[in-house]
Amino acid sequence: MRPAGYDDERPATADDRRLRDLRRELRAVGLGALVLLGFLCSISLKSRFAGISDVQRGMYVTSVVLTAIAAALLLAPAAYVRLAPGHRPAEQVTRAVHAMAAGGLAAAGLAVAAAVRLAARWAESGLAADLLGAGTAALFAAAWFVLPRLLSGR
């Protein structure tokens, strides 16, 4: 189903519009990933960081790596569109950008879930922290991937 006013849009024009819209959305999400990455990197500078357990250190590294992957995938479309040869069909570019966005969103959701689990482990140890992390991951998966598919009927 096309938005109102786009019924007579040519396929090439629709691909260009979708690519423009997707890049605009990714700018905001990519910025959020960079802010989270900066925050996570600053944690290691705190004096309390030296006393964390090996499990917490592993969760911290996981959070940082997932956030870096998310940032790379969410910001990559800007470079891809600028550096891709101009003769590529818009549909092909849009598919590539969409794949990067989906991977970046998945990594961002996992990064936030890992960061929530890490923060919960600092405040509370054990099952409660693990459940908070798993619940956060499930919420992101449902909100970002399951719900849109259900609403679109696919």
C-alpha atoms as a PDB file:
ATOM      1  CA  MET A   1       0.000   0.000   0.000  1.00  0.00           C
ATOM      2  CA  ARG A   2       1.410   3.348  -1.067  1.00  0.00           C
ATOM      3  CA  PRO A   3       1.052   6.549   0.940  1.00  0.00           C
ATOM      4  CA  ALA A   4      -1.556   9.022  -0.317  1.00  0.00           C
ATOM      5  CA  GLY A   5      -0.309  11.092  -3.234  1.00  0.00           C
ATOM      6  CA  TYR A   6       2.156   8.465  -4.478  1.00  0.00           C
ATOM      7  CA  ASP A   7      -0.225   6.338  -6.571  1.00  0.00           C
ATOM      8  CA  ASP A   8       1.138   7.566  -9.906  1.00  0.00           C
ATOM      9  CA  GLU A   9       4.796   7.511  -8.812  1.00  0.00           C
ATOM     10  CA  ARG A  10       7.213   5.816 -11.208  1.00  0.00           C
ATOM     11  CA  PRO A  11       9.257   2.921  -9.742  1.00  0.00           C
ATOM     12  CA  ALA A  12      12.568   4.804 -10.089  1.00  0.00           C
ATOM     13  CA  THR A  13      11.101   7.858  -8.332  1.00  0.00           C
ATOM     14  CA  ALA A  14       9.683   5.635  -5.582  1.00  0.00           C
ATOM     15  CA  ASP A  15      13.106   4.000  -5.074  1.00  0.00           C
ATOM     16  CA  ASP A  16      14.776   7.418  -4.828  1.00  0.00           C
ATOM     17  CA  ARG A  17      12.169   8.614  -2.311  1.00  0.00           C
ATOM     18  CA  ARG A  18      12.481   5.428  -0.192  1.00  0.00           C
ATOM     19  CA  LEU A  19      16.261   5.772  -0.176  1.00  0.00           C
ATOM     20  CA  ARG A  20      16.041   9.434   0.870  1.00  0.00           C
ATOM     21  CA  ASP A  21      13.541   8.616   3.638  1.00  0.00           C
ATOM     22  CA  LEU A  22      15.627   5.708   4.899  1.00  0.00           C
ATOM     23  CA  ARG A  23      18.819   7.774   5.010  1.00  0.00           C
ATOM     24  CA  ARG A  24      17.026  10.531   6.946  1.00  0.00           C
ATOM     25  CA  GLU A  25      15.817   8.001   9.537  1.00  0.00           C
ATOM     26  CA  LEU A  26      19.248   6.404   9.822  1.00  0.00           C
ATOM     27  CA  ARG A  27      20.898   9.732  10.612  1.00  0.00           C
ATOM     28  CA  ALA A  28      18.891   9.957  13.846  1.00  0.00           C
ATOM     29  CA  VAL A  29      19.383   6.329  14.833  1.00  0.00           C
ATOM     30  CA  GLY A  30      23.093   6.405  13.966  1.00  0.00           C
ATOM     31  CA  LEU A  31      23.563   9.442  16.191  1.00  0.00           C
ATOM     32  CA  GLY A  32      21.917   7.551  19.062  1.00  0.00           C
ATOM     33  CA  ALA A  33      24.328   4.646  18.577  1.00  0.00           C
ATOM     34  CA  LEU A  34      27.279   7.037  18.688  1.00  0.00           C
ATOM     35  CA  VAL A  35      26.002   8.621  21.910  1.00  0.00           C
ATOM     36  CA  LEU A  36      25.631   5.185  23.514  1.00  0.00           C
ATOM     37  CA  LEU A  37      29.126   4.240  22.338  1.00  0.00           C
ATOM     38  CA  GLY A  38      30.580   7.407  23.855  1.00  0.00           C
ATOM     39  CA  PHE A  39      28.781   6.778  27.135  1.00  0.00           C
ATOM     40  CA  LEU A  40      29.954   3.165  27.297  1.00  0.00           C
ATOM     41  CA  CYS A  41      33.541   4.167  26.552  1.00  0.00           C
ATOM     42  CA  SER A  42      33.446   6.775  29.322  1.00  0.00           C
ATOM     43  CA  ILE A  43      32.428   4.140  31.887  1.00  0.00           C
ATOM     44  CA  SER A  44      35.855   2.532  31.700  1.00  0.00           C
ATOM     45  CA  LEU A  45      37.386   5.781  32.968  1.00  0.00           C
ATOM     46  CA  LYS A  46      35.484   5.652  36.268  1.00  0.00           C
ATOM     47  CA  SER A  47      37.333   4.437  39.392  1.00  0.00           C
ATOM     48  CA  ARG A  48      34.553   1.952  40.189  1.00  0.00           C
ATOM     49  CA  PHE A  49      35.201   0.199  36.849  1.00  0.00           C
ATOM     50  CA  ALA A  50      38.404  -1.406  38.167  1.00  0.00           C
ATOM     51  CA  GLY A  51      36.381  -3.449  40.686  1.00  0.00           C
ATOM     52  CA  ILE A  52      33.957  -5.115  38.282  1.00  0.00           C
ATOM     53  CA  SER A  53      33.820  -8.889  37.972  1.00  0.00           C
ATOM     54  CA  ASP A  54      34.993 -10.864  34.964  1.00  0.00           C
ATOM     55  CA  VAL A  55      31.356 -11.489  33.989  1.00  0.00           C
ATOM     56  CA  GLN A  56      30.600  -7.766  34.132  1.00  0.00           C
ATOM     57  CA  ARG A  57      33.750  -7.005  32.139  1.00  0.00           C
ATOM     58  CA  GLY A  58      32.608  -9.480  29.477  1.00  0.00           C
ATOM     59  CA  MET A  59      29.158  -7.848  29.374  1.00  0.00           C
ATOM     60  CA  TYR A  60      30.806  -4.435  29.082  1.00  0.00           C
ATOM     61  CA  VAL A  61      33.000  -5.495  26.156  1.00  0.00           C
ATOM     62  CA  THR A  62      29.977  -7.125  24.497  1.00  0.00           C
ATOM     63  CA  SER A  63      27.996  -3.890  24.872  1.00  0.00           C
ATOM     64  CA  VAL A  64      30.804  -1.782  23.407  1.00  0.00           C
ATOM     65  CA  VAL A  65      31.384  -4.134  20.452  1.00  0.00           C
ATOM     66  CA  LEU A  66      27.654  -4.413  19.642  1.00  0.00           C
ATOM     67  CA  THR A  67      27.310  -0.633  19.821  1.00  0.00           C
ATOM     68  CA  ALA A  68      30.298  -0.147  17.519  1.00  0.00           C
ATOM     69  CA  ILE A  69      28.811  -2.638  15.027  1.00  0.00           C
ATOM     70  CA  ALA A  70      25.467  -0.827  15.198  1.00  0.00           C
ATOM     71  CA  ALA A  71      27.096   2.554  14.623  1.00  0.00           C
ATOM     72  CA  ALA A  72      29.116   1.235  11.680  1.00  0.00           C
ATOM     73  CA  LEU A  73      26.094  -0.354   9.989  1.00  0.00           C
ATOM     74  CA  LEU A  74      23.788   2.592  10.640  1.00  0.00           C
ATOM     75  CA  LEU A  75      26.294   5.138   9.330  1.00  0.00           C
ATOM     76  CA  ALA A  76      27.535   3.005   6.411  1.00  0.00           C
ATOM     77  CA  PRO A  77      24.658   3.932   4.067  1.00  0.00           C
ATOM     78  CA  ALA A  78      25.868   7.526   3.912  1.00  0.00           C
ATOM     79  CA  ALA A  79      29.278   6.360   2.710  1.00  0.00           C
ATOM     80  CA  TYR A  80      27.807   3.674   0.453  1.00  0.00           C
ATOM     81  CA  VAL A  81      25.519   6.083  -1.365  1.00  0.00           C
ATOM     82  CA  ARG A  82      28.333   8.616  -1.806  1.00  0.00           C
ATOM     83  CA  LEU A  83      30.969   6.088  -2.900  1.00  0.00           C
ATOM     84  CA  ALA A  84      28.839   3.657  -4.929  1.00  0.00           C
ATOM     85  CA  PRO A  85      29.217   4.127  -8.658  1.00  0.00           C
ATOM     86  CA  GLY A  86      26.507   6.428  -9.972  1.00  0.00           C
ATOM     87  CA  HIS A  87      25.311   3.928 -12.562  1.00  0.00           C
ATOM     88  CA  ARG A  88      23.877   1.505  -9.994  1.00  0.00           C
ATOM     89  CA  PRO A  89      20.102   1.154 -10.111  1.00  0.00           C
ATOM     90  CA  ALA A  90      18.330   2.928  -7.240  1.00  0.00           C
ATOM     91  CA  GLU A  91      16.542  -0.320  -6.365  1.00  0.00           C
ATOM     92  CA  GLN A  92      19.876  -2.112  -5.842  1.00  0.00           C
ATOM     93  CA  VAL A  93      21.226   0.730  -3.695  1.00  0.00           C
ATOM     94  CA  THR A  94      17.991   0.840  -1.672  1.00  0.00           C
ATOM     95  CA  ARG A  95      18.193  -2.928  -1.009  1.00  0.00           C
ATOM     96  CA  ALA A  96      21.818  -2.633   0.166  1.00  0.00           C
ATOM     97  CA  VAL A  97      21.015   0.328   2.422  1.00  0.00           C
ATOM     98  CA  HIS A  98      17.979  -1.500   3.809  1.00  0.00           C
ATOM     99  CA  ALA A  99      20.144  -4.540   4.673  1.00  0.00           C
ATOM    100  CA  MET A 100      22.676  -2.326   6.456  1.00  0.00           C
ATOM    101  CA  ALA A 101      19.855  -0.606   8.347  1.00  0.00           C
ATOM    102  CA  ALA A 102      18.289  -3.895   9.447  1.00  0.00           C
ATOM    103  CA  GLY A 103      21.650  -5.204  10.659  1.00  0.00           C
ATOM    104  CA  GLY A 104      22.392  -1.923  12.422  1.00  0.00           C
ATOM    105  CA  LEU A 105      19.013  -1.873  14.143  1.00  0.00           C
ATOM    106  CA  ALA A 106      19.438  -5.477  15.290  1.00  0.00           C
ATOM    107  CA  ALA A 107      22.904  -4.701  16.664  1.00  0.00           C
ATOM    108  CA  ALA A 108      21.598  -1.523  18.343  1.00  0.00           C
ATOM    109  CA  GLY A 109      18.795  -3.436  20.028  1.00  0.00           C
ATOM    110  CA  LEU A 110      21.217  -6.077  21.276  1.00  0.00           C
ATOM    111  CA  ALA A 111      23.643  -3.379  22.423  1.00  0.00           C
ATOM    112  CA  VAL A 112      20.967  -1.615  24.451  1.00  0.00           C
ATOM    113  CA  ALA A 113      19.831  -4.946  25.932  1.00  0.00           C
ATOM    114  CA  ALA A 114      23.426  -5.770  26.865  1.00  0.00           C
ATOM    115  CA  ALA A 115      23.880  -2.312  28.409  1.00  0.00           C
ATOM    116  CA  VAL A 116      20.654  -2.736  30.427  1.00  0.00           C
ATOM    117  CA  ARG A 117      21.845  -6.130  31.637  1.00  0.00           C
ATOM    118  CA  LEU A 118      25.221  -4.656  32.577  1.00  0.00           C
ATOM    119  CA  ALA A 119      23.637  -1.769  34.483  1.00  0.00           C
ATOM    120  CA  ALA A 120      21.266  -4.176  36.234  1.00  0.00           C
ATOM    121  CA  ARG A 121      24.214  -6.415  37.182  1.00  0.00           C
ATOM    122  CA  TRP A 122      25.919  -3.444  38.823  1.00  0.00           C
ATOM    123  CA  ALA A 123      22.782  -2.733  40.841  1.00  0.00           C
ATOM    124  CA  GLU A 124      21.484  -6.277  41.352  1.00  0.00           C
ATOM    125  CA  SER A 125      23.148  -9.592  40.680  1.00  0.00           C
ATOM    126  CA  GLY A 126      21.629 -12.782  39.389  1.00  0.00           C
ATOM    127  CA  LEU A 127      18.468 -13.724  37.599  1.00  0.00           C
ATOM    128  CA  ALA A 128      16.745 -10.327  37.826  1.00  0.00           C
ATOM    129  CA  ALA A 129      19.513  -8.660  35.804  1.00  0.00           C
ATOM    130  CA  ASP A 130      19.480 -11.438  33.222  1.00  0.00           C
ATOM    131  CA  LEU A 131      15.695 -11.183  32.872  1.00  0.00           C
ATOM    132  CA  LEU A 132      15.895  -7.410  32.421  1.00  0.00           C
ATOM    133  CA  GLY A 133      18.441  -7.842  29.625  1.00  0.00           C
ATOM    134  CA  ALA A 134      16.435 -10.594  27.937  1.00  0.00           C
ATOM    135  CA  GLY A 135      13.210  -8.623  28.305  1.00  0.00           C
ATOM    136  CA  THR A 136      14.810  -5.562  26.739  1.00  0.00           C
ATOM    137  CA  ALA A 137      16.062  -7.642  23.794  1.00  0.00           C
ATOM    138  CA  ALA A 138      12.588  -9.160  23.351  1.00  0.00           C
ATOM    139  CA  LEU A 139      10.983  -5.712  23.446  1.00  0.00           C
ATOM    140  CA  PHE A 140      13.317  -4.386  20.760  1.00  0.00           C
ATOM    141  CA  ALA A 141      12.767  -7.466  18.578  1.00  0.00           C
ATOM    142  CA  ALA A 142       8.995  -7.170  18.900  1.00  0.00           C
ATOM    143  CA  ALA A 143       8.842  -3.400  18.371  1.00  0.00           C
ATOM    144  CA  TRP A 144      11.351  -3.184  15.519  1.00  0.00           C
ATOM    145  CA  PHE A 145      10.849  -6.423  13.598  1.00  0.00           C
ATOM    146  CA  VAL A 146       7.733  -8.379  14.590  1.00  0.00           C
ATOM    147  CA  LEU A 147       5.177  -5.572  14.984  1.00  0.00           C
ATOM    148  CA  PRO A 148       5.960  -3.847  11.657  1.00  0.00           C
ATOM    149  CA  ARG A 149       5.579  -7.167   9.805  1.00  0.00           C
ATOM    150  CA  LEU A 150       2.279  -7.869  11.552  1.00  0.00           C
ATOM    151  CA  LEU A 151       0.955  -4.394  10.764  1.00  0.00           C
ATOM    152  CA  SER A 152       2.013  -4.582   7.117  1.00  0.00           C
ATOM    153  CA  GLY A 153       0.371  -7.983   6.663  1.00  0.00           C
ATOM    154  CA  ARG A 154       3.559  -9.735   5.498  1.00  0.00           C
END
